[in-house]
Amino acid sequence: MKPPFRADHVGSLLRPQELHEARAKAKKGEITQEALKAVQDRCIREVVALQESVGIPAVTDGEFRRDFWHIDFIHGFDGVDLTVNKAHTFHATDEQPPMFKLTSKVRRTKPSMLDHFTYLKSLVKKGTPKFTMPSPAMLHARSDREALKKV
């Protein structure tokens, strides 16, 4: 089968408990970024194998390296910083997504998550590697008017 596919999935998959725990430890400084990456790599290998075993043609890494599916990608661009979220909060959780703040003209001077896609592509044997890239409109969706003022 070749893309586009008639049925598809977004790309975000539920993270394994081991990955949740490793991410929490990394945020507290209890494990290194290298140790976190090793857990991410293992969990991604497993989720790729699972998707291929059930015949899903578009295989994703589950976005296991990302905190938030869209924020991490867009924050990789020059001119996009993060600020504390005071307006759009999630209920029933302490984890709140940050907001974008424009600091200069938005540009791409280096690849955004290319190494993540390269790793995924190296694992996929039976399908098409799929990597979620948010649309530019997501920059406005995760900001307030003040953060998007012309710089």
N, C-alpha and C. Protein backbone atom coordinates (compact mmCIF):
# COMPACT_ATOMS: atom_id res chain seq x y z
N MET A 1 0.84 -1.19 0.00
CA MET A 1 0.00 0.00 0.00
C MET A 1 0.88 1.25 0.00
N LYS A 2 0.42 2.26 -0.68
CA LYS A 2 1.15 3.52 -0.73
C LYS A 2 0.26 4.64 -0.19
N PRO A 3 0.87 5.62 0.48
CA PRO A 3 0.07 6.73 1.00
C PRO A 3 -0.51 7.55 -0.15
N PRO A 4 -1.58 8.29 0.02
CA PRO A 4 -2.32 8.44 1.29
C PRO A 4 -3.19 7.23 1.58
N PHE A 5 -3.41 6.97 2.85
CA PHE A 5 -4.20 5.83 3.28
C PHE A 5 -5.63 6.28 3.58
N ARG A 6 -6.57 5.38 3.40
CA ARG A 6 -7.98 5.74 3.63
C ARG A 6 -8.30 5.93 5.11
N ALA A 7 -7.59 5.25 5.98
CA ALA A 7 -7.78 5.42 7.42
C ALA A 7 -6.40 5.65 8.02
N ASP A 8 -6.33 6.49 9.00
CA ASP A 8 -5.02 6.86 9.54
C ASP A 8 -5.18 7.17 11.02
N HIS A 9 -4.06 7.42 11.68
CA HIS A 9 -4.07 7.84 13.07
C HIS A 9 -3.24 9.11 13.17
N VAL A 10 -3.45 9.86 14.22
CA VAL A 10 -2.79 11.15 14.37
C VAL A 10 -1.29 10.99 14.55
N GLY A 11 -0.86 10.11 15.39
CA GLY A 11 0.57 9.94 15.64
C GLY A 11 0.87 9.82 17.12
N SER A 12 0.09 10.49 17.95
CA SER A 12 0.30 10.39 19.40
C SER A 12 -0.23 9.05 19.89
N LEU A 13 0.60 8.35 20.62
CA LEU A 13 0.18 7.08 21.22
C LEU A 13 0.36 7.19 22.73
N LEU A 14 -0.38 6.39 23.47
CA LEU A 14 -0.24 6.41 24.93
C LEU A 14 1.17 5.98 25.30
N ARG A 15 1.77 6.74 26.19
CA ARG A 15 3.15 6.45 26.59
C ARG A 15 3.17 5.32 27.61
N PRO A 16 4.13 4.42 27.47
CA PRO A 16 4.27 3.36 28.47
C PRO A 16 4.65 3.96 29.83
N GLN A 17 4.27 3.28 30.90
CA GLN A 17 4.57 3.75 32.25
C GLN A 17 6.06 3.97 32.45
N GLU A 18 6.88 3.08 31.91
CA GLU A 18 8.34 3.21 32.01
C GLU A 18 8.81 4.56 31.45
N LEU A 19 8.20 4.99 30.36
CA LEU A 19 8.57 6.26 29.75
C LEU A 19 8.10 7.43 30.61
N HIS A 20 6.89 7.35 31.15
CA HIS A 20 6.41 8.40 32.06
C HIS A 20 7.39 8.57 33.23
N GLU A 21 7.78 7.45 33.81
CA GLU A 21 8.67 7.49 34.97
C GLU A 21 10.04 8.05 34.61
N ALA A 22 10.58 7.66 33.47
CA ALA A 22 11.89 8.16 33.04
C ALA A 22 11.84 9.66 32.77
N ARG A 23 10.76 10.13 32.15
CA ARG A 23 10.63 11.56 31.87
C ARG A 23 10.55 12.36 33.17
N ALA A 24 9.81 11.84 34.14
CA ALA A 24 9.71 12.52 35.44
C ALA A 24 11.06 12.57 36.14
N LYS A 25 11.80 11.47 36.09
CA LYS A 25 13.13 11.43 36.71
C LYS A 25 14.09 12.40 36.01
N ALA A 26 14.00 12.49 34.70
CA ALA A 26 14.87 13.40 33.95
C ALA A 26 14.57 14.85 34.31
N LYS A 27 13.30 15.18 34.47
CA LYS A 27 12.92 16.55 34.85
C LYS A 27 13.44 16.92 36.23
N LYS A 28 13.53 15.92 37.12
CA LYS A 28 14.04 16.16 38.48
C LYS A 28 15.56 16.08 38.54
N GLY A 29 16.20 15.69 37.44
CA GLY A 29 17.65 15.56 37.42
C GLY A 29 18.14 14.24 38.01
N GLU A 30 17.25 13.28 38.18
CA GLU A 30 17.61 11.99 38.76
C GLU A 30 18.25 11.04 37.76
N ILE A 31 18.01 11.26 36.47
CA ILE A 31 18.68 10.50 35.42
C ILE A 31 19.16 11.49 34.36
N THR A 32 20.13 11.08 33.58
CA THR A 32 20.69 11.94 32.54
C THR A 32 19.80 11.95 31.30
N GLN A 33 20.04 12.90 30.43
CA GLN A 33 19.32 12.94 29.16
C GLN A 33 19.66 11.70 28.32
N GLU A 34 20.88 11.21 28.45
CA GLU A 34 21.27 10.00 27.73
C GLU A 34 20.47 8.78 28.21
N ALA A 35 20.26 8.71 29.51
CA ALA A 35 19.46 7.60 30.06
C ALA A 35 18.01 7.71 29.60
N LEU A 36 17.48 8.93 29.58
CA LEU A 36 16.12 9.14 29.08
C LEU A 36 16.03 8.73 27.62
N LYS A 37 17.01 9.13 26.81
CA LYS A 37 17.01 8.78 25.39
C LYS A 37 17.04 7.26 25.20
N ALA A 38 17.77 6.55 26.03
CA ALA A 38 17.82 5.09 25.93
C ALA A 38 16.43 4.49 26.17
N VAL A 39 15.70 5.02 27.15
CA VAL A 39 14.34 4.54 27.41
C VAL A 39 13.44 4.89 26.24
N GLN A 40 13.55 6.11 25.74
CA GLN A 40 12.74 6.52 24.58
C GLN A 40 13.01 5.62 23.38
N ASP A 41 14.30 5.37 23.11
CA ASP A 41 14.66 4.50 21.97
C ASP A 41 14.02 3.12 22.11
N ARG A 42 14.10 2.55 23.30
CA ARG A 42 13.53 1.21 23.54
C ARG A 42 12.01 1.24 23.36
N CYS A 43 11.36 2.23 23.92
CA CYS A 43 9.90 2.31 23.81
C CYS A 43 9.47 2.55 22.37
N ILE A 44 10.24 3.34 21.63
CA ILE A 44 9.92 3.57 20.22
C ILE A 44 10.10 2.29 19.42
N ARG A 45 11.18 1.56 19.67
CA ARG A 45 11.37 0.27 18.96
C ARG A 45 10.18 -0.64 19.20
N GLU A 46 9.71 -0.70 20.44
CA GLU A 46 8.60 -1.58 20.78
C GLU A 46 7.29 -1.14 20.11
N VAL A 47 7.03 0.17 20.09
CA VAL A 47 5.77 0.64 19.51
C VAL A 47 5.79 0.53 17.98
N VAL A 48 6.96 0.67 17.37
CA VAL A 48 7.07 0.45 15.93
C VAL A 48 6.78 -1.02 15.62
N ALA A 49 7.37 -1.92 16.38
CA ALA A 49 7.14 -3.35 16.17
C ALA A 49 5.67 -3.70 16.35
N LEU A 50 5.02 -3.11 17.34
CA LEU A 50 3.59 -3.37 17.57
C LEU A 50 2.76 -2.92 16.38
N GLN A 51 3.00 -1.72 15.90
CA GLN A 51 2.22 -1.21 14.76
C GLN A 51 2.42 -2.07 13.52
N GLU A 52 3.68 -2.45 13.28
CA GLU A 52 3.95 -3.30 12.11
C GLU A 52 3.32 -4.68 12.27
N SER A 53 3.29 -5.21 13.48
CA SER A 53 2.74 -6.55 13.70
C SER A 53 1.24 -6.63 13.43
N VAL A 54 0.53 -5.49 13.57
CA VAL A 54 -0.91 -5.49 13.31
C VAL A 54 -1.24 -4.91 11.94
N GLY A 55 -0.21 -4.58 11.17
CA GLY A 55 -0.42 -4.15 9.78
C GLY A 55 -0.76 -2.69 9.58
N ILE A 56 -0.46 -1.84 10.52
CA ILE A 56 -0.70 -0.41 10.33
C ILE A 56 0.30 0.10 9.29
N PRO A 57 -0.20 0.69 8.20
CA PRO A 57 0.71 1.08 7.12
C PRO A 57 1.51 2.36 7.38
N ALA A 58 1.00 3.28 8.17
CA ALA A 58 1.71 4.51 8.50
C ALA A 58 2.19 4.38 9.94
N VAL A 59 3.49 4.20 10.12
CA VAL A 59 4.05 3.86 11.42
C VAL A 59 4.65 5.10 12.08
N THR A 60 4.23 5.36 13.31
CA THR A 60 4.68 6.53 14.05
C THR A 60 5.56 6.13 15.23
N ASP A 61 6.33 7.09 15.73
CA ASP A 61 7.13 6.86 16.95
C ASP A 61 6.31 7.14 18.20
N GLY A 62 5.04 7.41 18.02
CA GLY A 62 4.15 7.69 19.15
C GLY A 62 4.37 9.06 19.76
N GLU A 63 5.31 9.83 19.16
CA GLU A 63 5.72 11.12 19.71
C GLU A 63 6.28 10.96 21.12
N PHE A 64 6.96 9.84 21.34
CA PHE A 64 7.50 9.50 22.65
C PHE A 64 8.64 10.42 23.09
N ARG A 65 9.23 11.17 22.19
CA ARG A 65 10.29 12.10 22.58
C ARG A 65 9.76 13.49 22.91
N ARG A 66 8.50 13.72 22.66
CA ARG A 66 7.93 15.05 22.82
C ARG A 66 7.19 15.19 24.15
N ASP A 67 7.26 16.39 24.71
CA ASP A 67 6.41 16.73 25.85
C ASP A 67 4.98 16.97 25.36
N PHE A 68 4.87 17.76 24.30
CA PHE A 68 3.58 18.09 23.69
C PHE A 68 3.75 17.97 22.18
N TRP A 69 2.78 17.37 21.51
CA TRP A 69 2.92 17.00 20.10
C TRP A 69 3.27 18.18 19.20
N HIS A 70 2.79 19.36 19.49
CA HIS A 70 2.99 20.51 18.61
C HIS A 70 3.99 21.51 19.17
N ILE A 71 4.01 21.68 20.48
CA ILE A 71 4.84 22.70 21.10
C ILE A 71 6.33 22.41 20.88
N ASP A 72 6.74 21.18 21.10
CA ASP A 72 8.16 20.83 20.95
C ASP A 72 8.66 21.11 19.53
N PHE A 73 7.84 20.78 18.54
CA PHE A 73 8.24 20.99 17.15
C PHE A 73 8.37 22.48 16.83
N ILE A 74 7.35 23.26 17.14
CA ILE A 74 7.35 24.68 16.82
C ILE A 74 8.42 25.42 17.61
N HIS A 75 8.67 24.99 18.83
CA HIS A 75 9.71 25.64 19.64
C HIS A 75 11.10 25.44 19.03
N GLY A 76 11.24 24.50 18.11
CA GLY A 76 12.51 24.28 17.43
C GLY A 76 12.86 25.34 16.40
N PHE A 77 11.94 26.25 16.13
CA PHE A 77 12.19 27.31 15.17
C PHE A 77 12.80 28.53 15.87
N ASP A 78 13.65 29.24 15.14
CA ASP A 78 14.21 30.49 15.67
C ASP A 78 13.07 31.49 15.84
N GLY A 79 13.16 32.30 16.88
CA GLY A 79 12.18 33.34 17.12
C GLY A 79 10.98 32.89 17.93
N VAL A 80 10.93 31.61 18.30
CA VAL A 80 9.81 31.08 19.08
C VAL A 80 10.34 30.61 20.43
N ASP A 81 9.97 31.31 21.48
CA ASP A 81 10.34 30.91 22.83
C ASP A 81 9.08 30.44 23.56
N LEU A 82 9.28 29.95 24.77
CA LEU A 82 8.16 29.48 25.58
C LEU A 82 8.00 30.37 26.80
N THR A 83 6.77 30.50 27.24
CA THR A 83 6.48 31.28 28.43
C THR A 83 5.45 30.52 29.26
N VAL A 84 5.30 30.92 30.50
CA VAL A 84 4.37 30.25 31.41
C VAL A 84 2.93 30.44 30.94
N ASN A 85 2.20 29.38 31.01
CA ASN A 85 0.79 29.38 30.62
C ASN A 85 -0.05 29.86 31.79
N LYS A 86 -0.67 31.00 31.63
CA LYS A 86 -1.54 31.53 32.69
C LYS A 86 -3.00 31.55 32.28
N ALA A 87 -3.27 31.28 31.01
CA ALA A 87 -4.63 31.45 30.51
C ALA A 87 -5.34 30.15 30.17
N HIS A 88 -4.68 29.26 29.48
CA HIS A 88 -5.31 28.05 28.96
C HIS A 88 -4.80 26.84 29.72
N THR A 89 -5.43 26.51 30.81
CA THR A 89 -4.93 25.44 31.66
C THR A 89 -5.77 24.18 31.53
N PHE A 90 -5.10 23.05 31.75
CA PHE A 90 -5.78 21.76 31.80
C PHE A 90 -6.21 21.52 33.25
N HIS A 91 -7.40 21.03 33.44
CA HIS A 91 -7.89 20.72 34.77
C HIS A 91 -7.46 19.31 35.16
N ALA A 92 -7.39 19.03 36.43
CA ALA A 92 -7.10 17.71 36.99
C ALA A 92 -5.67 17.26 36.73
N THR A 93 -4.77 18.20 36.50
CA THR A 93 -3.36 17.84 36.34
C THR A 93 -2.49 19.03 36.74
N ASP A 94 -1.31 18.72 37.26
CA ASP A 94 -0.36 19.77 37.59
C ASP A 94 0.45 20.20 36.38
N GLU A 95 0.52 19.32 35.38
CA GLU A 95 1.31 19.63 34.19
C GLU A 95 0.51 20.54 33.27
N GLN A 96 1.05 21.71 33.00
CA GLN A 96 0.39 22.68 32.14
C GLN A 96 1.28 22.99 30.94
N PRO A 97 0.72 22.97 29.74
CA PRO A 97 1.54 23.26 28.57
C PRO A 97 1.96 24.73 28.56
N PRO A 98 3.19 25.00 28.14
CA PRO A 98 3.62 26.39 28.04
C PRO A 98 2.94 27.08 26.86
N MET A 99 3.13 28.37 26.79
CA MET A 99 2.61 29.18 25.68
C MET A 99 3.80 29.63 24.84
N PHE A 100 3.54 29.94 23.58
CA PHE A 100 4.58 30.47 22.71
C PHE A 100 4.71 31.97 22.91
N LYS A 101 5.92 32.45 22.73
CA LYS A 101 6.18 33.89 22.73
C LYS A 101 7.15 34.16 21.59
N LEU A 102 6.75 35.06 20.69
CA LEU A 102 7.63 35.42 19.58
C LEU A 102 8.67 36.41 20.06
N THR A 103 9.93 36.13 19.74
CA THR A 103 11.03 37.01 20.16
C THR A 103 11.73 37.64 18.96
N SER A 104 11.51 37.09 17.79
CA SER A 104 12.08 37.65 16.56
C SER A 104 11.34 37.01 15.38
N LYS A 105 11.78 37.34 14.18
CA LYS A 105 11.17 36.75 13.00
C LYS A 105 11.28 35.22 13.09
N VAL A 106 10.20 34.52 12.77
CA VAL A 106 10.20 33.07 12.83
C VAL A 106 10.94 32.54 11.60
N ARG A 107 11.99 31.75 11.88
CA ARG A 107 12.81 31.19 10.81
C ARG A 107 13.24 29.79 11.18
N ARG A 108 13.65 29.05 10.17
CA ARG A 108 14.23 27.74 10.41
C ARG A 108 15.66 27.77 9.89
N THR A 109 16.61 27.76 10.81
CA THR A 109 18.02 27.76 10.42
C THR A 109 18.67 26.40 10.67
N LYS A 110 17.91 25.52 11.32
CA LYS A 110 18.41 24.16 11.57
C LYS A 110 17.21 23.22 11.51
N PRO A 111 17.45 21.96 11.23
CA PRO A 111 16.33 21.01 11.17
C PRO A 111 15.63 20.90 12.53
N SER A 112 14.32 20.75 12.48
CA SER A 112 13.53 20.57 13.70
C SER A 112 13.16 19.09 13.81
N MET A 113 13.80 18.40 14.73
CA MET A 113 13.51 16.99 15.02
C MET A 113 13.89 16.04 13.90
N LEU A 114 14.81 16.42 13.05
CA LEU A 114 15.24 15.54 11.96
C LEU A 114 15.81 14.24 12.51
N ASP A 115 16.56 14.33 13.61
CA ASP A 115 17.13 13.11 14.20
C ASP A 115 16.04 12.17 14.71
N HIS A 116 14.91 12.73 15.16
CA HIS A 116 13.80 11.89 15.61
C HIS A 116 13.23 11.10 14.43
N PHE A 117 13.02 11.78 13.29
CA PHE A 117 12.48 11.11 12.12
C PHE A 117 13.48 10.10 11.56
N THR A 118 14.76 10.46 11.55
CA THR A 118 15.78 9.55 11.04
C THR A 118 15.80 8.25 11.83
N TYR A 119 15.66 8.35 13.16
CA TYR A 119 15.62 7.15 13.99
C TYR A 119 14.38 6.32 13.66
N LEU A 120 13.23 6.96 13.57
CA LEU A 120 12.00 6.25 13.23
C LEU A 120 12.15 5.55 11.89
N LYS A 121 12.64 6.26 10.90
CA LYS A 121 12.80 5.69 9.55
C LYS A 121 13.72 4.47 9.56
N SER A 122 14.73 4.49 10.42
CA SER A 122 15.66 3.36 10.50
C SER A 122 14.99 2.10 11.06
N LEU A 123 13.91 2.28 11.81
CA LEU A 123 13.23 1.14 12.43
C LEU A 123 12.12 0.55 11.57
N VAL A 124 11.47 1.38 10.77
CA VAL A 124 10.29 0.94 10.02
C VAL A 124 10.72 0.06 8.85
N LYS A 125 10.20 -1.16 8.84
CA LYS A 125 10.53 -2.14 7.81
C LYS A 125 9.34 -2.51 6.94
N LYS A 126 8.12 -2.40 7.48
CA LYS A 126 6.93 -2.90 6.76
C LYS A 126 5.95 -1.80 6.37
N GLY A 127 6.21 -0.57 6.68
CA GLY A 127 5.24 0.47 6.39
C GLY A 127 5.94 1.76 5.97
N THR A 128 5.22 2.84 6.13
CA THR A 128 5.73 4.17 5.82
C THR A 128 5.93 4.93 7.12
N PRO A 129 7.14 5.43 7.38
CA PRO A 129 7.34 6.21 8.60
C PRO A 129 6.48 7.47 8.57
N LYS A 130 5.82 7.75 9.69
CA LYS A 130 4.93 8.90 9.78
C LYS A 130 5.40 9.79 10.93
N PHE A 131 5.50 11.07 10.64
CA PHE A 131 5.98 12.02 11.65
C PHE A 131 5.05 13.23 11.64
N THR A 132 4.49 13.57 12.78
CA THR A 132 3.53 14.65 12.87
C THR A 132 4.23 16.00 12.90
N MET A 133 3.83 16.88 11.99
CA MET A 133 4.32 18.25 11.98
C MET A 133 3.10 19.17 12.07
N PRO A 134 3.03 19.99 13.10
CA PRO A 134 1.88 20.87 13.25
C PRO A 134 1.88 21.98 12.20
N SER A 135 0.71 22.44 11.88
CA SER A 135 0.58 23.53 10.91
C SER A 135 1.03 24.84 11.57
N PRO A 136 1.39 25.83 10.77
CA PRO A 136 1.78 27.13 11.33
C PRO A 136 0.68 27.76 12.20
N ALA A 137 -0.58 27.43 11.94
CA ALA A 137 -1.67 27.99 12.73
C ALA A 137 -1.58 27.60 14.20
N MET A 138 -0.88 26.51 14.50
CA MET A 138 -0.74 26.09 15.90
C MET A 138 0.05 27.11 16.72
N LEU A 139 0.87 27.90 16.06
CA LEU A 139 1.60 28.96 16.77
C LEU A 139 0.61 29.93 17.40
N HIS A 140 -0.45 30.23 16.69
CA HIS A 140 -1.48 31.13 17.22
C HIS A 140 -2.37 30.44 18.23
N ALA A 141 -2.58 29.15 18.08
CA ALA A 141 -3.47 28.41 18.96
C ALA A 141 -2.90 28.29 20.38
N ARG A 142 -1.59 28.35 20.54
CA ARG A 142 -0.97 28.19 21.85
C ARG A 142 -0.34 29.50 22.33
N SER A 143 -0.92 30.61 21.95
CA SER A 143 -0.39 31.91 22.37
C SER A 143 -1.54 32.85 22.67
N ASP A 144 -1.20 33.95 23.33
CA ASP A 144 -2.17 35.01 23.51
C ASP A 144 -1.74 36.19 22.64
N ARG A 145 -2.57 37.21 22.56
CA ARG A 145 -2.27 38.36 21.68
C ARG A 145 -0.96 39.03 22.05
N GLU A 146 -0.69 39.14 23.33
CA GLU A 146 0.53 39.80 23.79
C GLU A 146 1.78 39.07 23.28
N ALA A 147 1.74 37.77 23.31
CA ALA A 147 2.90 36.97 22.88
C ALA A 147 3.15 37.04 21.38
N LEU A 148 2.10 37.36 20.62
CA LEU A 148 2.23 37.37 19.17
C LEU A 148 2.40 38.75 18.57
N LYS A 149 2.60 39.76 19.42
CA LYS A 149 2.81 41.11 18.90
C LYS A 149 4.01 41.14 17.99
N LYS A 150 3.96 42.00 17.02
CA LYS A 150 5.06 42.13 16.06
C LYS A 150 6.35 42.47 16.78
N VAL A 151 7.41 41.71 16.48
CA VAL A 151 8.70 41.96 17.11
C VAL A 151 9.65 42.62 16.15
